[in-house]
Amino acid sequence: MLVFFEKKLVIFATTKTGSTALHGALSPRASMTFRNPPAVKHASVQKYERILKPTFEELGAPQDMETFALIRHPVEWLSSWFRYRCRDQLIGKPNSTRDVTFNEFVVEYMKDLPRSFADIGSQSKFLTGLDDELGIDHLYQYEAEKRYLQFLRDRLDVPIDTKRRNVSPDFEVTIDPGIRRDLEALHRVEFDLWHIAQH
């Protein structure tokens, strides 16, 4: 999470949406930067509304702060997580996906209690406020890089030169059409939210 008090903007770090690259590019200009541990860097909208926003305002921050976040296409988001957990450093660990297929990963993700290799949360839950509504003022599709970078340049009045960081291994994955239909039906909200984001 990055906070710009003067520009009245909070940038949320949705997982697997290039947040590390944005942090690297913008943290020197931010009023506050939340990097570690990951639960702080990736603080959800509800955590912000419940804890951080009241604290900021108590310390004199503007009450009309706006929020920005990215959302990735749900299948691509799952693919990125799957590929990220295939890396060598996780071999032999419970969250490794080295010995499972992408189809198995998606099926496990759809279960009520997924095993650790598919326990990755949810983009929609991350972006939902305490009132169960979308808690982001400026939501962009991850795939619309030119548009969201231009928004940030204009809003923050800074040049932005992002470099890819914390990248998942690059290899192609495929999903069975039937499993994809099940995913779209079970997690309709994820797809709907991606569709309404600016692109």
C-alpha atoms as a PDB file:
ATOM      1  CA  MET A   1       0.000   0.000   0.000  1.00  0.00           C
ATOM      2  CA  LEU A   2       1.144   3.508  -0.865  1.00  0.00           C
ATOM      3  CA  VAL A   3      -0.339   6.640   0.690  1.00  0.00           C
ATOM      4  CA  PHE A   4      -0.114  10.120  -0.831  1.00  0.00           C
ATOM      5  CA  PHE A   5      -1.642  12.563   1.654  1.00  0.00           C
ATOM      6  CA  GLU A   6      -1.016  15.695  -0.404  1.00  0.00           C
ATOM      7  CA  LYS A   7      -2.560  14.133  -3.510  1.00  0.00           C
ATOM      8  CA  LYS A   8      -5.303  12.495  -1.428  1.00  0.00           C
ATOM      9  CA  LEU A   9      -4.778   9.034  -2.877  1.00  0.00           C
ATOM     10  CA  VAL A  10      -4.250   5.557  -1.432  1.00  0.00           C
ATOM     11  CA  ILE A  11      -2.926   2.859  -3.754  1.00  0.00           C
ATOM     12  CA  PHE A  12      -3.867  -0.672  -2.754  1.00  0.00           C
ATOM     13  CA  ALA A  13      -1.567  -3.589  -3.565  1.00  0.00           C
ATOM     14  CA  THR A  14      -3.825  -6.290  -4.991  1.00  0.00           C
ATOM     15  CA  THR A  15      -1.767  -9.471  -5.185  1.00  0.00           C
ATOM     16  CA  LYS A  16      -0.365 -10.551  -8.579  1.00  0.00           C
ATOM     17  CA  THR A  17      -1.173  -7.230 -10.269  1.00  0.00           C
ATOM     18  CA  GLY A  18       2.297  -5.719 -10.485  1.00  0.00           C
ATOM     19  CA  SER A  19       2.083  -4.012  -7.109  1.00  0.00           C
ATOM     20  CA  THR A  20       5.789  -4.586  -6.396  1.00  0.00           C
ATOM     21  CA  ALA A  21       6.704  -2.732  -9.596  1.00  0.00           C
ATOM     22  CA  LEU A  22       4.397   0.164  -8.680  1.00  0.00           C
ATOM     23  CA  HIS A  23       5.906   0.276  -5.199  1.00  0.00           C
ATOM     24  CA  GLY A  24       9.375   0.425  -6.669  1.00  0.00           C
ATOM     25  CA  ALA A  25       8.422   3.286  -8.982  1.00  0.00           C
ATOM     26  CA  LEU A  26       6.324   5.363  -6.581  1.00  0.00           C
ATOM     27  CA  SER A  27       7.501   4.700  -3.019  1.00  0.00           C
ATOM     28  CA  PRO A  28      10.144   7.481  -3.065  1.00  0.00           C
ATOM     29  CA  ARG A  29       7.310   9.996  -3.660  1.00  0.00           C
ATOM     30  CA  ALA A  30       4.792   8.509  -1.235  1.00  0.00           C
ATOM     31  CA  SER A  31       3.964   9.961   2.176  1.00  0.00           C
ATOM     32  CA  MET A  32       3.803   6.449   3.596  1.00  0.00           C
ATOM     33  CA  THR A  33       4.853   3.096   2.164  1.00  0.00           C
ATOM     34  CA  PHE A  34       3.701  -0.230   3.572  1.00  0.00           C
ATOM     35  CA  ARG A  35       6.098  -2.965   2.434  1.00  0.00           C
ATOM     36  CA  ASN A  36       6.456  -5.668   5.070  1.00  0.00           C
ATOM     37  CA  PRO A  37       5.138  -8.002   6.232  1.00  0.00           C
ATOM     38  CA  PRO A  38       3.034  -8.998   3.187  1.00  0.00           C
ATOM     39  CA  ALA A  39      -0.175  -8.711   5.212  1.00  0.00           C
ATOM     40  CA  VAL A  40       0.606  -5.012   5.694  1.00  0.00           C
ATOM     41  CA  LYS A  41       1.736  -4.381   2.118  1.00  0.00           C
ATOM     42  CA  HIS A  42      -1.412  -6.107   0.863  1.00  0.00           C
ATOM     43  CA  ALA A  43      -3.773  -4.586   3.435  1.00  0.00           C
ATOM     44  CA  SER A  44      -7.358  -4.990   2.234  1.00  0.00           C
ATOM     45  CA  VAL A  45      -9.972  -2.286   1.848  1.00  0.00           C
ATOM     46  CA  GLN A  46     -11.719  -3.479   5.010  1.00  0.00           C
ATOM     47  CA  LYS A  47      -8.495  -3.303   6.992  1.00  0.00           C
ATOM     48  CA  TYR A  48      -7.929   0.197   5.640  1.00  0.00           C
ATOM     49  CA  GLU A  49     -11.451   1.336   6.531  1.00  0.00           C
ATOM     50  CA  ARG A  50     -11.401  -0.269   9.972  1.00  0.00           C
ATOM     51  CA  ILE A  51      -7.873   0.578  11.124  1.00  0.00           C
ATOM     52  CA  LEU A  52      -5.729   2.696   8.838  1.00  0.00           C
ATOM     53  CA  LYS A  53      -8.121   5.393   7.612  1.00  0.00           C
ATOM     54  CA  PRO A  54      -9.333   6.375  11.123  1.00  0.00           C
ATOM     55  CA  THR A  55      -5.716   6.447  12.310  1.00  0.00           C
ATOM     56  CA  PHE A  56      -4.642   8.658   9.398  1.00  0.00           C
ATOM     57  CA  GLU A  57      -7.529  11.057  10.016  1.00  0.00           C
ATOM     58  CA  GLU A  58      -6.771  11.185  13.734  1.00  0.00           C
ATOM     59  CA  LEU A  59      -3.261  12.293  12.779  1.00  0.00           C
ATOM     60  CA  GLY A  60      -4.589  15.058  10.553  1.00  0.00           C
ATOM     61  CA  ALA A  61      -4.876  13.382   7.151  1.00  0.00           C
ATOM     62  CA  PRO A  62      -7.570  14.636   4.744  1.00  0.00           C
ATOM     63  CA  GLN A  63     -10.954  12.979   5.213  1.00  0.00           C
ATOM     64  CA  ASP A  64     -11.623  12.891   1.477  1.00  0.00           C
ATOM     65  CA  MET A  65      -8.812  10.520   0.518  1.00  0.00           C
ATOM     66  CA  GLU A  66      -9.591   8.516  -2.628  1.00  0.00           C
ATOM     67  CA  THR A  67      -8.581   4.942  -3.403  1.00  0.00           C
ATOM     68  CA  PHE A  68      -6.953   3.250  -6.382  1.00  0.00           C
ATOM     69  CA  ALA A  69      -6.454  -0.434  -7.176  1.00  0.00           C
ATOM     70  CA  LEU A  70      -5.939  -2.885  -9.994  1.00  0.00           C
ATOM     71  CA  ILE A  71      -7.838  -6.081 -10.702  1.00  0.00           C
ATOM     72  CA  ARG A  72      -6.583  -8.847 -12.982  1.00  0.00           C
ATOM     73  CA  HIS A  73      -8.720 -11.103 -15.155  1.00  0.00           C
ATOM     74  CA  PRO A  74      -9.673 -13.961 -12.801  1.00  0.00           C
ATOM     75  CA  VAL A  75      -8.235 -16.762 -14.941  1.00  0.00           C
ATOM     76  CA  GLU A  76      -4.997 -14.844 -15.500  1.00  0.00           C
ATOM     77  CA  TRP A  77      -4.834 -14.016 -11.776  1.00  0.00           C
ATOM     78  CA  LEU A  78      -5.125 -17.721 -10.925  1.00  0.00           C
ATOM     79  CA  SER A  79      -2.568 -18.557 -13.606  1.00  0.00           C
ATOM     80  CA  SER A  80      -0.096 -16.089 -12.135  1.00  0.00           C
ATOM     81  CA  TRP A  81      -0.527 -17.560  -8.663  1.00  0.00           C
ATOM     82  CA  PHE A  82      -0.168 -21.100 -10.015  1.00  0.00           C
ATOM     83  CA  ARG A  83       3.025 -20.239 -11.910  1.00  0.00           C
ATOM     84  CA  TYR A  84       4.414 -18.258  -8.959  1.00  0.00           C
ATOM     85  CA  ARG A  85       4.040 -21.277  -6.706  1.00  0.00           C
ATOM     86  CA  CYS A  86       5.764 -23.515  -9.271  1.00  0.00           C
ATOM     87  CA  ARG A  87       9.113 -21.863  -8.665  1.00  0.00           C
ATOM     88  CA  ASP A  88      12.071 -23.864  -7.385  1.00  0.00           C
ATOM     89  CA  GLN A  89      12.173 -22.191  -3.955  1.00  0.00           C
ATOM     90  CA  LEU A  90       8.844 -23.804  -3.019  1.00  0.00           C
ATOM     91  CA  ILE A  91       9.599 -27.388  -4.057  1.00  0.00           C
ATOM     92  CA  GLY A  92       8.681 -29.698  -1.182  1.00  0.00           C
ATOM     93  CA  LYS A  93       6.579 -27.075   0.598  1.00  0.00           C
ATOM     94  CA  PRO A  94       2.796 -27.418   1.081  1.00  0.00           C
ATOM     95  CA  ASN A  95       2.014 -24.420  -1.139  1.00  0.00           C
ATOM     96  CA  SER A  96       4.109 -25.647  -4.072  1.00  0.00           C
ATOM     97  CA  THR A  97       2.220 -26.272  -7.319  1.00  0.00           C
ATOM     98  CA  ARG A  98       5.121 -28.069  -8.989  1.00  0.00           C
ATOM     99  CA  ASP A  99       3.352 -31.445  -8.894  1.00  0.00           C
ATOM    100  CA  VAL A 100      -0.188 -30.367  -9.825  1.00  0.00           C
ATOM    101  CA  THR A 101      -1.781 -29.193 -13.063  1.00  0.00           C
ATOM    102  CA  PHE A 102      -3.428 -25.825 -13.521  1.00  0.00           C
ATOM    103  CA  ASN A 103      -6.788 -27.585 -13.801  1.00  0.00           C
ATOM    104  CA  GLU A 104      -6.188 -29.244 -10.412  1.00  0.00           C
ATOM    105  CA  PHE A 105      -5.179 -25.901  -8.946  1.00  0.00           C
ATOM    106  CA  VAL A 106      -8.391 -24.230 -10.137  1.00  0.00           C
ATOM    107  CA  VAL A 107     -10.555 -27.102  -8.897  1.00  0.00           C
ATOM    108  CA  GLU A 108      -8.868 -26.899  -5.503  1.00  0.00           C
ATOM    109  CA  TYR A 109      -9.363 -23.112  -5.448  1.00  0.00           C
ATOM    110  CA  MET A 110     -13.110 -23.621  -5.958  1.00  0.00           C
ATOM    111  CA  LYS A 111     -13.445 -25.822  -2.869  1.00  0.00           C
ATOM    112  CA  ASP A 112     -14.754 -24.347   0.398  1.00  0.00           C
ATOM    113  CA  LEU A 113     -11.529 -25.225   2.218  1.00  0.00           C
ATOM    114  CA  PRO A 114      -8.703 -25.321  -0.352  1.00  0.00           C
ATOM    115  CA  ARG A 115      -5.413 -26.924   0.536  1.00  0.00           C
ATOM    116  CA  SER A 116      -2.530 -24.548   1.036  1.00  0.00           C
ATOM    117  CA  PHE A 117      -1.345 -24.646  -2.584  1.00  0.00           C
ATOM    118  CA  ALA A 118      -4.611 -22.989  -3.672  1.00  0.00           C
ATOM    119  CA  ASP A 119      -5.306 -20.835  -0.617  1.00  0.00           C
ATOM    120  CA  ILE A 120      -4.805 -17.424  -2.254  1.00  0.00           C
ATOM    121  CA  GLY A 121      -7.764 -15.330  -1.152  1.00  0.00           C
ATOM    122  CA  SER A 122     -10.002 -13.391  -3.496  1.00  0.00           C
ATOM    123  CA  GLN A 123      -9.652 -10.148  -5.433  1.00  0.00           C
ATOM    124  CA  SER A 124     -13.288  -9.198  -4.805  1.00  0.00           C
ATOM    125  CA  LYS A 125     -13.013  -9.719  -1.046  1.00  0.00           C
ATOM    126  CA  PHE A 126      -9.789  -7.719  -1.010  1.00  0.00           C
ATOM    127  CA  LEU A 127     -11.509  -4.789  -2.751  1.00  0.00           C
ATOM    128  CA  THR A 128     -14.776  -4.876  -0.783  1.00  0.00           C
ATOM    129  CA  GLY A 129     -15.418  -2.394   2.016  1.00  0.00           C
ATOM    130  CA  LEU A 130     -17.074  -2.821   5.387  1.00  0.00           C
ATOM    131  CA  ASP A 131     -20.457  -2.105   3.776  1.00  0.00           C
ATOM    132  CA  ASP A 132     -19.997  -5.085   1.413  1.00  0.00           C
ATOM    133  CA  GLU A 133     -19.699  -2.713  -1.539  1.00  0.00           C
ATOM    134  CA  LEU A 134     -16.714  -2.037  -3.782  1.00  0.00           C
ATOM    135  CA  GLY A 135     -14.394   0.160  -1.714  1.00  0.00           C
ATOM    136  CA  ILE A 136     -12.282   1.546  -4.560  1.00  0.00           C
ATOM    137  CA  ASP A 137     -12.863   4.896  -6.252  1.00  0.00           C
ATOM    138  CA  HIS A 138     -10.530   4.254  -9.183  1.00  0.00           C
ATOM    139  CA  LEU A 139     -10.468   0.597 -10.223  1.00  0.00           C
ATOM    140  CA  TYR A 140      -8.521  -0.349 -13.352  1.00  0.00           C
ATOM    141  CA  GLN A 141      -7.982  -3.609 -15.128  1.00  0.00           C
ATOM    142  CA  TYR A 142      -4.402  -4.795 -14.700  1.00  0.00           C
ATOM    143  CA  GLU A 143      -4.329  -5.350 -18.440  1.00  0.00           C
ATOM    144  CA  ALA A 144      -5.002  -1.629 -19.105  1.00  0.00           C
ATOM    145  CA  GLU A 145      -1.474  -0.568 -18.186  1.00  0.00           C
ATOM    146  CA  LYS A 146      -1.300   2.532 -20.393  1.00  0.00           C
ATOM    147  CA  ARG A 147      -4.553   3.922 -18.992  1.00  0.00           C
ATOM    148  CA  TYR A 148      -3.834   3.370 -15.313  1.00  0.00           C
ATOM    149  CA  LEU A 149      -0.266   4.607 -15.558  1.00  0.00           C
ATOM    150  CA  GLN A 150      -1.515   7.779 -17.247  1.00  0.00           C
ATOM    151  CA  PHE A 151      -4.079   8.235 -14.480  1.00  0.00           C
ATOM    152  CA  LEU A 152      -1.354   7.914 -11.855  1.00  0.00           C
ATOM    153  CA  ARG A 153       1.002  10.279 -13.702  1.00  0.00           C
ATOM    154  CA  ASP A 154      -1.741  12.900 -13.955  1.00  0.00           C
ATOM    155  CA  ARG A 155      -3.015  12.450 -10.409  1.00  0.00           C
ATOM    156  CA  LEU A 156       0.383  12.321  -8.692  1.00  0.00           C
ATOM    157  CA  ASP A 157       2.155  14.667 -11.112  1.00  0.00           C
ATOM    158  CA  VAL A 158       5.191  12.374 -11.316  1.00  0.00           C
ATOM    159  CA  PRO A 159       6.917  10.380 -14.057  1.00  0.00           C
ATOM    160  CA  ILE A 160       6.466   6.640 -13.635  1.00  0.00           C
ATOM    161  CA  ASP A 161       8.973   4.126 -14.922  1.00  0.00           C
ATOM    162  CA  THR A 162       7.930   0.653 -13.813  1.00  0.00           C
ATOM    163  CA  LYS A 163      10.262  -2.327 -13.946  1.00  0.00           C
ATOM    164  CA  ARG A 164       8.905  -5.838 -13.636  1.00  0.00           C
ATOM    165  CA  ARG A 165       9.572  -7.330 -10.208  1.00  0.00           C
ATOM    166  CA  ASN A 166       8.466 -10.394  -8.253  1.00  0.00           C
ATOM    167  CA  VAL A 167       7.439 -11.985 -11.546  1.00  0.00           C
ATOM    168  CA  SER A 168       5.906 -15.453 -11.871  1.00  0.00           C
ATOM    169  CA  PRO A 169       7.752 -17.998 -14.031  1.00  0.00           C
ATOM    170  CA  ASP A 170       6.697 -17.527 -17.652  1.00  0.00           C
ATOM    171  CA  PHE A 171       5.118 -20.613 -19.201  1.00  0.00           C
ATOM    172  CA  GLU A 172       1.779 -21.309 -20.813  1.00  0.00           C
ATOM    173  CA  VAL A 173      -1.056 -22.915 -18.878  1.00  0.00           C
ATOM    174  CA  THR A 174      -4.409 -24.122 -20.169  1.00  0.00           C
ATOM    175  CA  ILE A 175      -7.741 -24.630 -18.485  1.00  0.00           C
ATOM    176  CA  ASP A 176     -10.380 -27.194 -19.382  1.00  0.00           C
ATOM    177  CA  PRO A 177     -13.496 -25.433 -20.790  1.00  0.00           C
ATOM    178  CA  GLY A 178     -15.768 -27.219 -18.318  1.00  0.00           C
ATOM    179  CA  ILE A 179     -13.624 -26.173 -15.354  1.00  0.00           C
ATOM    180  CA  ARG A 180     -13.598 -22.604 -16.647  1.00  0.00           C
ATOM    181  CA  ARG A 181     -17.405 -22.610 -16.868  1.00  0.00           C
ATOM    182  CA  ASP A 182     -17.601 -23.872 -13.287  1.00  0.00           C
ATOM    183  CA  LEU A 183     -15.176 -21.164 -12.178  1.00  0.00           C
ATOM    184  CA  GLU A 184     -17.165 -18.424 -13.912  1.00  0.00           C
ATOM    185  CA  ALA A 185     -20.398 -19.675 -12.347  1.00  0.00           C
ATOM    186  CA  LEU A 186     -19.021 -20.115  -8.828  1.00  0.00           C
ATOM    187  CA  HIS A 187     -16.982 -16.895  -8.799  1.00  0.00           C
ATOM    188  CA  ARG A 188     -19.210 -14.708 -10.959  1.00  0.00           C
ATOM    189  CA  VAL A 189     -18.480 -11.682  -8.768  1.00  0.00           C
ATOM    190  CA  GLU A 190     -14.774 -11.842  -9.660  1.00  0.00           C
ATOM    191  CA  PHE A 191     -15.518 -11.728 -13.385  1.00  0.00           C
ATOM    192  CA  ASP A 192     -18.194  -9.033 -12.996  1.00  0.00           C
ATOM    193  CA  LEU A 193     -15.833  -6.823 -11.012  1.00  0.00           C
ATOM    194  CA  TRP A 194     -13.111  -7.178 -13.636  1.00  0.00           C
ATOM    195  CA  HIS A 195     -15.599  -6.258 -16.370  1.00  0.00           C
ATOM    196  CA  ILE A 196     -16.738  -3.042 -14.642  1.00  0.00           C
ATOM    197  CA  ALA A 197     -13.158  -1.877 -13.995  1.00  0.00           C
ATOM    198  CA  GLN A 198     -11.770   0.792 -16.296  1.00  0.00           C
ATOM    199  CA  HIS A 199     -10.018  -0.655 -19.336  1.00  0.00           C
END
